[in-house]
Amino acid sequence: MAVELIYCATPSRFKERQEEIINFVNNQTPYAPFHPFKAFPWELFEGNPKVGRENAMDYCIRSVKLCDRFGLFGISEGTVTKELPIALGENKPIDLFLEFDPDWKIYYAKLLPQAPYLKEIIPYD
């Protein structure tokens, strides 16, 4: 039986926590982690003038489509307005791991006007 691959959507402000998130997935869930910061290191992709943020996000979006599940490890513009809509459109199961993001409520309130579908996934007011 194949293990499901989970896309670990993580705000870039947590880039130093990628190992913690990968270890959490390996030890606490039945899934195999796909972490975009590991697959597309910042200095080679987003921070590389030949690639840049837009192309790096496109690679992430394509990766969301390849994974079986979508894990939300924090709320940011990228995770909520770029990656999450792809997962929803592909009918991926969504797993919330917001305990990794102590400021998720702040970003939720800020991004809710751009991402009203958040209320269906995270019913918070």
PDB file of N, CA and C in Angstrom:
ATOM      1  N   MET A   1       0.843  -1.189   0.000  1.00  0.00           N
ATOM      2  CA  MET A   1       0.000   0.000   0.000  1.00  0.00           C
ATOM      3  C   MET A   1       0.884   1.248   0.000  1.00  0.00           C
ATOM      4  N   ALA A   2       0.607   2.138  -0.903  1.00  0.00           N
ATOM      5  CA  ALA A   2       1.391   3.371  -1.020  1.00  0.00           C
ATOM      6  C   ALA A   2       1.021   4.357   0.087  1.00  0.00           C
ATOM      7  N   VAL A   3       2.017   5.034   0.578  1.00  0.00           N
ATOM      8  CA  VAL A   3       1.806   6.076   1.583  1.00  0.00           C
ATOM      9  C   VAL A   3       1.440   7.354   0.845  1.00  0.00           C
ATOM     10  N   GLU A   4       0.437   8.068   1.350  1.00  0.00           N
ATOM     11  CA  GLU A   4       0.033   9.318   0.713  1.00  0.00           C
ATOM     12  C   GLU A   4       1.094  10.391   0.920  1.00  0.00           C
ATOM     13  N   LEU A   5       1.311  11.160  -0.126  1.00  0.00           N
ATOM     14  CA  LEU A   5       2.264  12.269  -0.107  1.00  0.00           C
ATOM     15  C   LEU A   5       1.502  13.538   0.249  1.00  0.00           C
ATOM     16  N   ILE A   6       1.964  14.227   1.299  1.00  0.00           N
ATOM     17  CA  ILE A   6       1.288  15.451   1.739  1.00  0.00           C
ATOM     18  C   ILE A   6       2.168  16.665   1.433  1.00  0.00           C
ATOM     19  N   TYR A   7       1.576  17.639   0.760  1.00  0.00           N
ATOM     20  CA  TYR A   7       2.249  18.903   0.467  1.00  0.00           C
ATOM     21  C   TYR A   7       2.224  19.733   1.746  1.00  0.00           C
ATOM     22  N   CYS A   8       3.389  20.139   2.212  1.00  0.00           N
ATOM     23  CA  CYS A   8       3.506  20.892   3.466  1.00  0.00           C
ATOM     24  C   CYS A   8       3.549  22.389   3.177  1.00  0.00           C
ATOM     25  N   ALA A   9       2.386  23.000   3.070  1.00  0.00           N
ATOM     26  CA  ALA A   9       2.289  24.436   2.778  1.00  0.00           C
ATOM     27  C   ALA A   9       2.729  25.222   4.008  1.00  0.00           C
ATOM     28  N   THR A  10       3.832  25.930   3.854  1.00  0.00           N
ATOM     29  CA  THR A  10       4.465  26.610   4.980  1.00  0.00           C
ATOM     30  C   THR A  10       4.787  28.053   4.591  1.00  0.00           C
ATOM     31  N   PRO A  11       4.399  29.020   5.407  1.00  0.00           N
ATOM     32  CA  PRO A  11       4.776  30.410   5.118  1.00  0.00           C
ATOM     33  C   PRO A  11       6.298  30.553   5.077  1.00  0.00           C
ATOM     34  N   SER A  12       6.787  31.394   4.203  1.00  0.00           N
ATOM     35  CA  SER A  12       8.242  31.578   4.089  1.00  0.00           C
ATOM     36  C   SER A  12       8.850  32.136   5.372  1.00  0.00           C
ATOM     37  N   ARG A  13       8.037  32.749   6.224  1.00  0.00           N
ATOM     38  CA  ARG A  13       8.584  33.242   7.493  1.00  0.00           C
ATOM     39  C   ARG A  13       8.991  32.095   8.414  1.00  0.00           C
ATOM     40  N   PHE A  14       8.611  30.860   8.052  1.00  0.00           N
ATOM     41  CA  PHE A  14       8.995  29.673   8.812  1.00  0.00           C
ATOM     42  C   PHE A  14      10.015  28.816   8.078  1.00  0.00           C
ATOM     43  N   LYS A  15      10.744  29.404   7.150  1.00  0.00           N
ATOM     44  CA  LYS A  15      11.676  28.590   6.350  1.00  0.00           C
ATOM     45  C   LYS A  15      12.694  27.862   7.217  1.00  0.00           C
ATOM     46  N   GLU A  16      13.041  28.416   8.377  1.00  0.00           N
ATOM     47  CA  GLU A  16      14.001  27.761   9.263  1.00  0.00           C
ATOM     48  C   GLU A  16      13.364  26.593  10.027  1.00  0.00           C
ATOM     49  N   ARG A  17      12.056  26.405   9.904  1.00  0.00           N
ATOM     50  CA  ARG A  17      11.354  25.325  10.614  1.00  0.00           C
ATOM     51  C   ARG A  17      11.028  24.137   9.713  1.00  0.00           C
ATOM     52  N   GLN A  18      11.569  24.133   8.503  1.00  0.00           N
ATOM     53  CA  GLN A  18      11.217  23.069   7.566  1.00  0.00           C
ATOM     54  C   GLN A  18      11.559  21.681   8.093  1.00  0.00           C
ATOM     55  N   GLU A  19      12.705  21.527   8.736  1.00  0.00           N
ATOM     56  CA  GLU A  19      13.089  20.217   9.287  1.00  0.00           C
ATOM     57  C   GLU A  19      12.118  19.793  10.386  1.00  0.00           C
ATOM     58  N   GLU A  20      11.710  20.741  11.226  1.00  0.00           N
ATOM     59  CA  GLU A  20      10.749  20.462  12.288  1.00  0.00           C
ATOM     60  C   GLU A  20       9.429  19.958  11.699  1.00  0.00           C
ATOM     61  N   ILE A  21       8.983  20.597  10.637  1.00  0.00           N
ATOM     62  CA  ILE A  21       7.731  20.206   9.987  1.00  0.00           C
ATOM     63  C   ILE A  21       7.869  18.839   9.328  1.00  0.00           C
ATOM     64  N   ILE A  22       8.954  18.616   8.637  1.00  0.00           N
ATOM     65  CA  ILE A  22       9.197  17.314   7.997  1.00  0.00           C
ATOM     66  C   ILE A  22       9.245  16.210   9.048  1.00  0.00           C
ATOM     67  N   ASN A  23       9.951  16.448  10.145  1.00  0.00           N
ATOM     68  CA  ASN A  23      10.028  15.451  11.212  1.00  0.00           C
ATOM     69  C   ASN A  23       8.667  15.205  11.848  1.00  0.00           C
ATOM     70  N   PHE A  24       7.891  16.276  12.022  1.00  0.00           N
ATOM     71  CA  PHE A  24       6.537  16.120  12.562  1.00  0.00           C
ATOM     72  C   PHE A  24       5.712  15.202  11.659  1.00  0.00           C
ATOM     73  N   VAL A  25       5.730  15.467  10.360  1.00  0.00           N
ATOM     74  CA  VAL A  25       4.955  14.642   9.423  1.00  0.00           C
ATOM     75  C   VAL A  25       5.432  13.195   9.480  1.00  0.00           C
ATOM     76  N   ASN A  26       6.736  12.993   9.490  1.00  0.00           N
ATOM     77  CA  ASN A  26       7.284  11.633   9.541  1.00  0.00           C
ATOM     78  C   ASN A  26       6.901  10.892  10.813  1.00  0.00           C
ATOM     79  N   ASN A  27       6.869  11.606  11.940  1.00  0.00           N
ATOM     80  CA  ASN A  27       6.656  10.962  13.230  1.00  0.00           C
ATOM     81  C   ASN A  27       5.225  10.989  13.743  1.00  0.00           C
ATOM     82  N   GLN A  28       4.401  11.928  13.279  1.00  0.00           N
ATOM     83  CA  GLN A  28       3.078  12.118  13.860  1.00  0.00           C
ATOM     84  C   GLN A  28       1.918  11.877  12.905  1.00  0.00           C
ATOM     85  N   THR A  29       2.200  11.623  11.647  1.00  0.00           N
ATOM     86  CA  THR A  29       1.117  11.406  10.688  1.00  0.00           C
ATOM     87  C   THR A  29       1.413  10.138   9.887  1.00  0.00           C
ATOM     88  N   PRO A  30       0.434   9.606   9.199  1.00  0.00           N
ATOM     89  CA  PRO A  30       0.687   8.436   8.351  1.00  0.00           C
ATOM     90  C   PRO A  30       1.175   8.806   6.937  1.00  0.00           C
ATOM     91  N   TYR A  31       1.573  10.054   6.743  1.00  0.00           N
ATOM     92  CA  TYR A  31       1.900  10.549   5.405  1.00  0.00           C
ATOM     93  C   TYR A  31       3.405  10.711   5.195  1.00  0.00           C
ATOM     94  N   ALA A  32       3.786  10.811   3.927  1.00  0.00           N
ATOM     95  CA  ALA A  32       5.158  11.151   3.555  1.00  0.00           C
ATOM     96  C   ALA A  32       5.178  12.637   3.206  1.00  0.00           C
ATOM     97  N   PRO A  33       6.134  13.411   3.749  1.00  0.00           N
ATOM     98  CA  PRO A  33       6.140  14.860   3.521  1.00  0.00           C
ATOM     99  C   PRO A  33       6.761  15.260   2.192  1.00  0.00           C
ATOM    100  N   PHE A  34       6.111  16.208   1.532  1.00  0.00           N
ATOM    101  CA  PHE A  34       6.713  16.920   0.410  1.00  0.00           C
ATOM    102  C   PHE A  34       6.797  18.370   0.875  1.00  0.00           C
ATOM    103  N   HIS A  35       8.006  18.828   1.142  1.00  0.00           N
ATOM    104  CA  HIS A  35       8.162  20.207   1.612  1.00  0.00           C
ATOM    105  C   HIS A  35       8.767  21.052   0.498  1.00  0.00           C
ATOM    106  N   PRO A  36       8.058  22.123   0.083  1.00  0.00           N
ATOM    107  CA  PRO A  36       8.550  22.929  -1.032  1.00  0.00           C
ATOM    108  C   PRO A  36       9.891  23.607  -0.762  1.00  0.00           C
ATOM    109  N   PHE A  37      10.199  23.914   0.498  1.00  0.00           N
ATOM    110  CA  PHE A  37      11.485  24.562   0.786  1.00  0.00           C
ATOM    111  C   PHE A  37      12.644  23.603   0.574  1.00  0.00           C
ATOM    112  N   LYS A  38      12.387  22.315   0.725  1.00  0.00           N
ATOM    113  CA  LYS A  38      13.414  21.304   0.454  1.00  0.00           C
ATOM    114  C   LYS A  38      13.528  21.054  -1.047  1.00  0.00           C
ATOM    115  N   ALA A  39      12.377  20.968  -1.692  1.00  0.00           N
ATOM    116  CA  ALA A  39      12.359  20.693  -3.135  1.00  0.00           C
ATOM    117  C   ALA A  39      12.889  21.867  -3.956  1.00  0.00           C
ATOM    118  N   PHE A  40      12.589  23.069  -3.494  1.00  0.00           N
ATOM    119  CA  PHE A  40      12.961  24.280  -4.236  1.00  0.00           C
ATOM    120  C   PHE A  40      13.668  25.260  -3.299  1.00  0.00           C
ATOM    121  N   PRO A  41      14.936  25.001  -2.950  1.00  0.00           N
ATOM    122  CA  PRO A  41      15.641  25.886  -2.011  1.00  0.00           C
ATOM    123  C   PRO A  41      15.601  27.342  -2.473  1.00  0.00           C
ATOM    124  N   TRP A  42      15.364  28.241  -1.520  1.00  0.00           N
ATOM    125  CA  TRP A  42      15.182  29.661  -1.812  1.00  0.00           C
ATOM    126  C   TRP A  42      16.296  30.219  -2.680  1.00  0.00           C
ATOM    127  N   GLU A  43      17.537  29.943  -2.324  1.00  0.00           N
ATOM    128  CA  GLU A  43      18.665  30.538  -3.047  1.00  0.00           C
ATOM    129  C   GLU A  43      18.768  30.049  -4.493  1.00  0.00           C
ATOM    130  N   LEU A  44      18.212  28.874  -4.792  1.00  0.00           N
ATOM    131  CA  LEU A  44      18.266  28.348  -6.153  1.00  0.00           C
ATOM    132  C   LEU A  44      17.017  28.664  -6.969  1.00  0.00           C
ATOM    133  N   PHE A  45      15.940  29.015  -6.289  1.00  0.00           N
ATOM    134  CA  PHE A  45      14.675  29.247  -6.983  1.00  0.00           C
ATOM    135  C   PHE A  45      14.168  30.677  -6.775  1.00  0.00           C
ATOM    136  N   GLU A  46      13.435  30.926  -5.713  1.00  0.00           N
ATOM    137  CA  GLU A  46      12.852  32.256  -5.508  1.00  0.00           C
ATOM    138  C   GLU A  46      13.915  33.348  -5.452  1.00  0.00           C
ATOM    139  N   GLY A  47      15.026  33.088  -4.799  1.00  0.00           N
ATOM    140  CA  GLY A  47      16.091  34.075  -4.673  1.00  0.00           C
ATOM    141  C   GLY A  47      17.039  34.131  -5.850  1.00  0.00           C
ATOM    142  N   ASN A  48      16.851  33.279  -6.813  1.00  0.00           N
ATOM    143  CA  ASN A  48      17.701  33.234  -8.010  1.00  0.00           C
ATOM    144  C   ASN A  48      17.083  34.141  -9.077  1.00  0.00           C
ATOM    145  N   PRO A  49      17.809  35.156  -9.547  1.00  0.00           N
ATOM    146  CA  PRO A  49      17.239  36.068 -10.547  1.00  0.00           C
ATOM    147  C   PRO A  49      16.794  35.369 -11.839  1.00  0.00           C
ATOM    148  N   LYS A  50      17.379  34.222 -12.154  1.00  0.00           N
ATOM    149  CA  LYS A  50      16.964  33.487 -13.360  1.00  0.00           C
ATOM    150  C   LYS A  50      15.606  32.813 -13.173  1.00  0.00           C
ATOM    151  N   VAL A  51      15.216  32.572 -11.925  1.00  0.00           N
ATOM    152  CA  VAL A  51      13.951  31.877 -11.638  1.00  0.00           C
ATOM    153  C   VAL A  51      12.943  32.863 -11.059  1.00  0.00           C
ATOM    154  N   GLY A  52      13.192  33.376  -9.854  1.00  0.00           N
ATOM    155  CA  GLY A  52      12.329  34.378  -9.233  1.00  0.00           C
ATOM    156  C   GLY A  52      11.097  33.796  -8.556  1.00  0.00           C
ATOM    157  N   ARG A  53      10.406  34.651  -7.804  1.00  0.00           N
ATOM    158  CA  ARG A  53       9.255  34.218  -6.998  1.00  0.00           C
ATOM    159  C   ARG A  53       8.120  33.654  -7.843  1.00  0.00           C
ATOM    160  N   GLU A  54       7.786  34.316  -8.927  1.00  0.00           N
ATOM    161  CA  GLU A  54       6.649  33.874  -9.736  1.00  0.00           C
ATOM    162  C   GLU A  54       6.852  32.451 -10.271  1.00  0.00           C
ATOM    163  N   ASN A  55       8.022  32.175 -10.825  1.00  0.00           N
ATOM    164  CA  ASN A  55       8.300  30.823 -11.309  1.00  0.00           C
ATOM    165  C   ASN A  55       8.375  29.820 -10.172  1.00  0.00           C
ATOM    166  N   ALA A  56       8.976  30.222  -9.058  1.00  0.00           N
ATOM    167  CA  ALA A  56       9.063  29.323  -7.904  1.00  0.00           C
ATOM    168  C   ALA A  56       7.662  28.956  -7.408  1.00  0.00           C
ATOM    169  N   MET A  57       6.762  29.926  -7.357  1.00  0.00           N
ATOM    170  CA  MET A  57       5.383  29.639  -6.940  1.00  0.00           C
ATOM    171  C   MET A  57       4.688  28.726  -7.951  1.00  0.00           C
ATOM    172  N   ASP A  58       5.003  28.894  -9.223  1.00  0.00           N
ATOM    173  CA  ASP A  58       4.430  28.006 -10.241  1.00  0.00           C
ATOM    174  C   ASP A  58       4.880  26.565  -9.995  1.00  0.00           C
ATOM    175  N   TYR A  59       6.140  26.362  -9.624  1.00  0.00           N
ATOM    176  CA  TYR A  59       6.628  25.019  -9.310  1.00  0.00           C
ATOM    177  C   TYR A  59       5.886  24.467  -8.094  1.00  0.00           C
ATOM    178  N   CYS A  60       5.648  25.317  -7.117  1.00  0.00           N
ATOM    179  CA  CYS A  60       4.911  24.885  -5.924  1.00  0.00           C
ATOM    180  C   CYS A  60       3.483  24.483  -6.291  1.00  0.00           C
ATOM    181  N   ILE A  61       2.849  25.265  -7.112  1.00  0.00           N
ATOM    182  CA  ILE A  61       1.478  24.972  -7.537  1.00  0.00           C
ATOM    183  C   ILE A  61       1.415  23.630  -8.265  1.00  0.00           C
ATOM    184  N   ARG A  62       2.377  23.401  -9.152  1.00  0.00           N
ATOM    185  CA  ARG A  62       2.419  22.115  -9.851  1.00  0.00           C
ATOM    186  C   ARG A  62       2.634  20.969  -8.873  1.00  0.00           C
ATOM    187  N   SER A  63       3.411  21.225  -7.830  1.00  0.00           N
ATOM    188  CA  SER A  63       3.677  20.197  -6.823  1.00  0.00           C
ATOM    189  C   SER A  63       2.434  19.888  -6.000  1.00  0.00           C
ATOM    190  N   VAL A  64       1.637  20.907  -5.696  1.00  0.00           N
ATOM    191  CA  VAL A  64       0.377  20.678  -4.980  1.00  0.00           C
ATOM    192  C   VAL A  64      -0.459  19.674  -5.767  1.00  0.00           C
ATOM    193  N   LYS A  65      -0.498  19.836  -7.071  1.00  0.00           N
ATOM    194  CA  LYS A  65      -1.292  18.939  -7.924  1.00  0.00           C
ATOM    195  C   LYS A  65      -0.778  17.504  -7.881  1.00  0.00           C
ATOM    196  N   LEU A  66       0.521  17.330  -7.713  1.00  0.00           N
ATOM    197  CA  LEU A  66       1.114  15.988  -7.688  1.00  0.00           C
ATOM    198  C   LEU A  66       0.885  15.256  -6.367  1.00  0.00           C
ATOM    199  N   CYS A  67       0.731  15.997  -5.286  1.00  0.00           N
ATOM    200  CA  CYS A  67       0.595  15.388  -3.960  1.00  0.00           C
ATOM    201  C   CYS A  67      -0.832  14.888  -3.732  1.00  0.00           C
ATOM    202  N   ASP A  68      -0.949  13.916  -2.827  1.00  0.00           N
ATOM    203  CA  ASP A  68      -2.253  13.328  -2.510  1.00  0.00           C
ATOM    204  C   ASP A  68      -3.075  14.184  -1.558  1.00  0.00           C
ATOM    205  N   ARG A  69      -2.390  14.910  -0.683  1.00  0.00           N
ATOM    206  CA  ARG A  69      -3.049  15.697   0.359  1.00  0.00           C
ATOM    207  C   ARG A  69      -2.393  17.068   0.441  1.00  0.00           C
ATOM    208  N   PHE A  70      -3.040  17.962   1.185  1.00  0.00           N
ATOM    209  CA  PHE A  70      -2.515  19.312   1.385  1.00  0.00           C
ATOM    210  C   PHE A  70      -2.510  19.595   2.875  1.00  0.00           C
ATOM    211  N   GLY A  71      -1.337  19.862   3.410  1.00  0.00           N
ATOM    212  CA  GLY A  71      -1.210  20.208   4.822  1.00  0.00           C
ATOM    213  C   GLY A  71      -0.910  21.689   4.966  1.00  0.00           C
ATOM    214  N   LEU A  72      -1.729  22.392   5.720  1.00  0.00           N
ATOM    215  CA  LEU A  72      -1.540  23.830   5.934  1.00  0.00           C
ATOM    216  C   LEU A  72      -0.858  24.031   7.281  1.00  0.00           C
ATOM    217  N   PHE A  73       0.416  24.441   7.237  1.00  0.00           N
ATOM    218  CA  PHE A  73       1.227  24.613   8.437  1.00  0.00           C
ATOM    219  C   PHE A  73       1.319  26.072   8.874  1.00  0.00           C
ATOM    220  N   GLY A  74       0.612  26.937   8.202  1.00  0.00           N
ATOM    221  CA  GLY A  74       0.588  28.341   8.562  1.00  0.00           C
ATOM    222  C   GLY A  74      -0.130  29.127   7.485  1.00  0.00           C
ATOM    223  N   ILE A  75      -0.521  30.312   7.855  1.00  0.00           N
ATOM    224  CA  ILE A  75      -1.279  31.160   6.928  1.00  0.00           C
ATOM    225  C   ILE A  75      -0.394  32.308   6.462  1.00  0.00           C
ATOM    226  N   SER A  76      -0.337  32.436   5.145  1.00  0.00           N
ATOM    227  CA  SER A  76       0.388  33.530   4.499  1.00  0.00           C
ATOM    228  C   SER A  76      -0.271  33.776   3.152  1.00  0.00           C
ATOM    229  N   GLU A  77       0.138  34.824   2.499  1.00  0.00           N
ATOM    230  CA  GLU A  77      -0.422  35.100   1.175  1.00  0.00           C
ATOM    231  C   GLU A  77      -0.187  33.926   0.232  1.00  0.00           C
ATOM    232  N   GLY A  78       1.018  33.388   0.231  1.00  0.00           N
ATOM    233  CA  GLY A  78       1.335  32.277  -0.667  1.00  0.00           C
ATOM    234  C   GLY A  78       0.552  31.016  -0.352  1.00  0.00           C
ATOM    235  N   THR A  79       0.509  30.633   0.931  1.00  0.00           N
ATOM    236  CA  THR A  79      -0.175  29.382   1.273  1.00  0.00           C
ATOM    237  C   THR A  79      -1.683  29.477   1.054  1.00  0.00           C
ATOM    238  N   VAL A  80      -2.258  30.658   1.303  1.00  0.00           N
ATOM    239  CA  VAL A  80      -3.716  30.798   1.279  1.00  0.00           C
ATOM    240  C   VAL A  80      -4.267  31.285  -0.059  1.00  0.00           C
ATOM    241  N   THR A  81      -3.559  32.159  -0.746  1.00  0.00           N
ATOM    242  CA  THR A  81      -4.118  32.699  -1.996  1.00  0.00           C
ATOM    243  C   THR A  81      -3.544  32.041  -3.242  1.00  0.00           C
ATOM    244  N   LYS A  82      -2.475  31.284  -3.097  1.00  0.00           N
ATOM    245  CA  LYS A  82      -1.869  30.633  -4.271  1.00  0.00           C
ATOM    246  C   LYS A  82      -1.973  29.107  -4.191  1.00  0.00           C
ATOM    247  N   GLU A  83      -1.504  28.518  -3.096  1.00  0.00           N
ATOM    248  CA  GLU A  83      -1.452  27.055  -3.007  1.00  0.00           C
ATOM    249  C   GLU A  83      -2.788  26.430  -2.610  1.00  0.00           C
ATOM    250  N   LEU A  84      -3.422  26.945  -1.575  1.00  0.00           N
ATOM    251  CA  LEU A  84      -4.684  26.388  -1.092  1.00  0.00           C
ATOM    252  C   LEU A  84      -5.769  26.335  -2.171  1.00  0.00           C
ATOM    253  N   PRO A  85      -5.968  27.377  -2.989  1.00  0.00           N
ATOM    254  CA  PRO A  85      -7.003  27.280  -4.021  1.00  0.00           C
ATOM    255  C   PRO A  85      -6.758  26.129  -5.010  1.00  0.00           C
ATOM    256  N   ILE A  86      -5.495  25.822  -5.260  1.00  0.00           N
ATOM    257  CA  ILE A  86      -5.182  24.700  -6.155  1.00  0.00           C
ATOM    258  C   ILE A  86      -5.613  23.392  -5.497  1.00  0.00           C
ATOM    259  N   ALA A  87      -5.265  23.237  -4.217  1.00  0.00           N
ATOM    260  CA  ALA A  87      -5.658  22.026  -3.490  1.00  0.00           C
ATOM    261  C   ALA A  87      -7.181  21.875  -3.456  1.00  0.00           C
ATOM    262  N   LEU A  88      -7.881  22.970  -3.224  1.00  0.00           N
ATOM    263  CA  LEU A  88      -9.344  22.926  -3.203  1.00  0.00           C
ATOM    264  C   LEU A  88      -9.891  22.557  -4.577  1.00  0.00           C
ATOM    265  N   GLY A  89      -9.334  23.164  -5.618  1.00  0.00           N
ATOM    266  CA  GLY A  89      -9.781  22.884  -6.983  1.00  0.00           C
ATOM    267  C   GLY A  89      -9.514  21.452  -7.414  1.00  0.00           C
ATOM    268  N   GLU A  90      -8.506  20.857  -6.841  1.00  0.00           N
ATOM    269  CA  GLU A  90      -8.152  19.465  -7.146  1.00  0.00           C
ATOM    270  C   GLU A  90      -8.825  18.482  -6.182  1.00  0.00           C
ATOM    271  N   ASN A  91      -9.664  19.007  -5.289  1.00  0.00           N
ATOM    272  CA  ASN A  91     -10.363  18.191  -4.286  1.00  0.00           C
ATOM    273  C   ASN A  91      -9.422  17.370  -3.416  1.00  0.00           C
ATOM    274  N   LYS A  92      -8.308  17.981  -3.039  1.00  0.00           N
ATOM    275  CA  LYS A  92      -7.351  17.320  -2.149  1.00  0.00           C
ATOM    276  C   LYS A  92      -7.884  17.365  -0.721  1.00  0.00           C
ATOM    277  N   PRO A  93      -7.685  16.322   0.050  1.00  0.00           N
ATOM    278  CA  PRO A  93      -7.991  16.423   1.484  1.00  0.00           C
ATOM    279  C   PRO A  93      -7.082  17.482   2.111  1.00  0.00           C
ATOM    280  N   ILE A  94      -7.652  18.316   2.966  1.00  0.00           N
ATOM    281  CA  ILE A  94      -6.915  19.409   3.615  1.00  0.00           C
ATOM    282  C   ILE A  94      -6.709  19.044   5.085  1.00  0.00           C
ATOM    283  N   ASP A  95      -5.460  19.072   5.516  1.00  0.00           N
ATOM    284  CA  ASP A  95      -5.121  18.833   6.916  1.00  0.00           C
ATOM    285  C   ASP A  95      -4.576  20.129   7.497  1.00  0.00           C
ATOM    286  N   LEU A  96      -5.078  20.510   8.670  1.00  0.00           N
ATOM    287  CA  LEU A  96      -4.640  21.749   9.321  1.00  0.00           C
ATOM    288  C   LEU A  96      -3.655  21.440  10.436  1.00  0.00           C
ATOM    289  N   PHE A  97      -2.545  22.146  10.411  1.00  0.00           N
ATOM    290  CA  PHE A  97      -1.519  22.032  11.443  1.00  0.00           C
ATOM    291  C   PHE A  97      -1.151  23.448  11.897  1.00  0.00           C
ATOM    292  N   LEU A  98      -2.156  24.215  12.252  1.00  0.00           N
ATOM    293  CA  LEU A  98      -1.961  25.632  12.565  1.00  0.00           C
ATOM    294  C   LEU A  98      -1.243  25.866  13.883  1.00  0.00           C
ATOM    295  N   GLU A  99      -1.029  24.821  14.654  1.00  0.00           N
ATOM    296  CA  GLU A  99      -0.252  24.973  15.880  1.00  0.00           C
ATOM    297  C   GLU A  99       1.185  25.408  15.586  1.00  0.00           C
ATOM    298  N   PHE A 100       1.616  25.262  14.349  1.00  0.00           N
ATOM    299  CA  PHE A 100       2.947  25.717  13.947  1.00  0.00           C
ATOM    300  C   PHE A 100       2.999  27.228  13.735  1.00  0.00           C
ATOM    301  N   ASP A 101       1.846  27.860  13.626  1.00  0.00           N
ATOM    302  CA  ASP A 101       1.778  29.290  13.315  1.00  0.00           C
ATOM    303  C   ASP A 101       1.096  30.059  14.439  1.00  0.00           C
ATOM    304  N   PRO A 102       1.874  30.622  15.373  1.00  0.00           N
ATOM    305  CA  PRO A 102       1.263  31.345  16.488  1.00  0.00           C
ATOM    306  C   PRO A 102       0.503  32.606  16.052  1.00  0.00           C
ATOM    307  N   ASP A 103       0.766  33.086  14.854  1.00  0.00           N
ATOM    308  CA  ASP A 103       0.116  34.307  14.360  1.00  0.00           C
ATOM    309  C   ASP A 103      -0.946  34.028  13.310  1.00  0.00           C
ATOM    310  N   TRP A 104      -1.428  32.793  13.212  1.00  0.00           N
ATOM    311  CA  TRP A 104      -2.356  32.458  12.144  1.00  0.00           C
ATOM    312  C   TRP A 104      -3.623  33.299  12.170  1.00  0.00           C
ATOM    313  N   LYS A 105      -4.111  33.658  13.353  1.00  0.00           N
ATOM    314  CA  LYS A 105      -5.347  34.439  13.448  1.00  0.00           C
ATOM    315  C   LYS A 105      -5.169  35.840  12.854  1.00  0.00           C
ATOM    316  N   ILE A 106      -4.001  36.401  13.016  1.00  0.00           N
ATOM    317  CA  ILE A 106      -3.714  37.728  12.444  1.00  0.00           C
ATOM    318  C   ILE A 106      -3.733  37.656  10.924  1.00  0.00           C
ATOM    319  N   TYR A 107      -3.057  36.655  10.368  1.00  0.00           N
ATOM    320  CA  TYR A 107      -2.994  36.500   8.910  1.00  0.00           C
ATOM    321  C   TYR A 107      -4.346  36.074   8.342  1.00  0.00           C
ATOM    322  N   TYR A 108      -5.077  35.278   9.090  1.00  0.00           N
ATOM    323  CA  TYR A 108      -6.431  34.873   8.698  1.00  0.00           C
ATOM    324  C   TYR A 108      -7.294  36.116   8.476  1.00  0.00           C
ATOM    325  N   ALA A 109      -7.317  36.999   9.484  1.00  0.00           N
ATOM    326  CA  ALA A 109      -8.127  38.219   9.388  1.00  0.00           C
ATOM    327  C   ALA A 109      -7.678  39.101   8.233  1.00  0.00           C
ATOM    328  N   LYS A 110      -6.393  39.199   8.035  1.00  0.00           N
ATOM    329  CA  LYS A 110      -5.840  40.037   6.966  1.00  0.00           C
ATOM    330  C   LYS A 110      -6.177  39.484   5.576  1.00  0.00           C
ATOM    331  N   LEU A 111      -6.142  38.154   5.421  1.00  0.00           N
ATOM    332  CA  LEU A 111      -6.310  37.546   4.099  1.00  0.00           C
ATOM    333  C   LEU A 111      -7.732  37.093   3.792  1.00  0.00           C
ATOM    334  N   LEU A 112      -8.612  37.088   4.782  1.00  0.00           N
ATOM    335  CA  LEU A 112      -9.983  36.629   4.564  1.00  0.00           C
ATOM    336  C   LEU A 112     -10.700  37.365   3.430  1.00  0.00           C
ATOM    337  N   PRO A 113     -10.542  38.696   3.287  1.00  0.00           N
ATOM    338  CA  PRO A 113     -11.212  39.358   2.154  1.00  0.00           C
ATOM    339  C   PRO A 113     -10.770  38.815   0.784  1.00  0.00           C
ATOM    340  N   GLN A 114      -9.520  38.395   0.665  1.00  0.00           N
ATOM    341  CA  GLN A 114      -9.009  37.833  -0.594  1.00  0.00           C
ATOM    342  C   GLN A 114      -9.325  36.343  -0.724  1.00  0.00           C
ATOM    343  N   ALA A 115      -9.576  35.693   0.405  1.00  0.00           N
ATOM    344  CA  ALA A 115      -9.754  34.244   0.419  1.00  0.00           C
ATOM    345  C   ALA A 115     -10.956  33.858   1.274  1.00  0.00           C
ATOM    346  N   PRO A 116     -12.176  34.205   0.837  1.00  0.00           N
ATOM    347  CA  PRO A 116     -13.364  33.915   1.657  1.00  0.00           C
ATOM    348  C   PRO A 116     -13.587  32.423   1.901  1.00  0.00           C
ATOM    349  N   TYR A 117     -12.999  31.562   1.072  1.00  0.00           N
ATOM    350  CA  TYR A 117     -13.109  30.113   1.245  1.00  0.00           C
ATOM    351  C   TYR A 117     -12.442  29.646   2.546  1.00  0.00           C
ATOM    352  N   LEU A 118     -11.634  30.504   3.161  1.00  0.00           N
ATOM    353  CA  LEU A 118     -11.008  30.167   4.433  1.00  0.00           C
ATOM    354  C   LEU A 118     -12.042  29.840   5.501  1.00  0.00           C
ATOM    355  N   LYS A 119     -13.189  30.543   5.461  1.00  0.00           N
ATOM    356  CA  LYS A 119     -14.236  30.325   6.474  1.00  0.00           C
ATOM    357  C   LYS A 119     -14.754  28.888   6.437  1.00  0.00           C
ATOM    358  N   GLU A 120     -14.764  28.272   5.261  1.00  0.00           N
ATOM    359  CA  GLU A 120     -15.209  26.880   5.145  1.00  0.00           C
ATOM    360  C   GLU A 120     -14.198  25.911   5.719  1.00  0.00           C
ATOM    361  N   ILE A 121     -12.946  26.253   5.616  1.00  0.00           N
ATOM    362  CA  ILE A 121     -11.871  25.369   6.070  1.00  0.00           C
ATOM    363  C   ILE A 121     -11.532  25.613   7.534  1.00  0.00           C
ATOM    364  N   ILE A 122     -11.505  26.893   7.905  1.00  0.00           N
ATOM    365  CA  ILE A 122     -11.184  27.288   9.276  1.00  0.00           C
ATOM    366  C   ILE A 122     -12.296  28.219   9.753  1.00  0.00           C
ATOM    367  N   PRO A 123     -13.322  27.679  10.366  1.00  0.00           N
ATOM    368  CA  PRO A 123     -14.438  28.528  10.811  1.00  0.00           C
ATOM    369  C   PRO A 123     -14.045  29.317  12.068  1.00  0.00           C
ATOM    370  N   TYR A 124     -13.466  30.471  11.838  1.00  0.00           N
ATOM    371  CA  TYR A 124     -13.009  31.334  12.929  1.00  0.00           C
ATOM    372  C   TYR A 124     -13.487  32.746  12.674  1.00  0.00           C
ATOM    373  N   ASP A 125     -13.956  33.408  13.694  1.00  0.00           N
ATOM    374  CA  ASP A 125     -14.369  34.823  13.559  1.00  0.00           C
ATOM    375  C   ASP A 125     -13.644  35.672  14.563  1.00  0.00           C
TER     376      ASP A 125
END
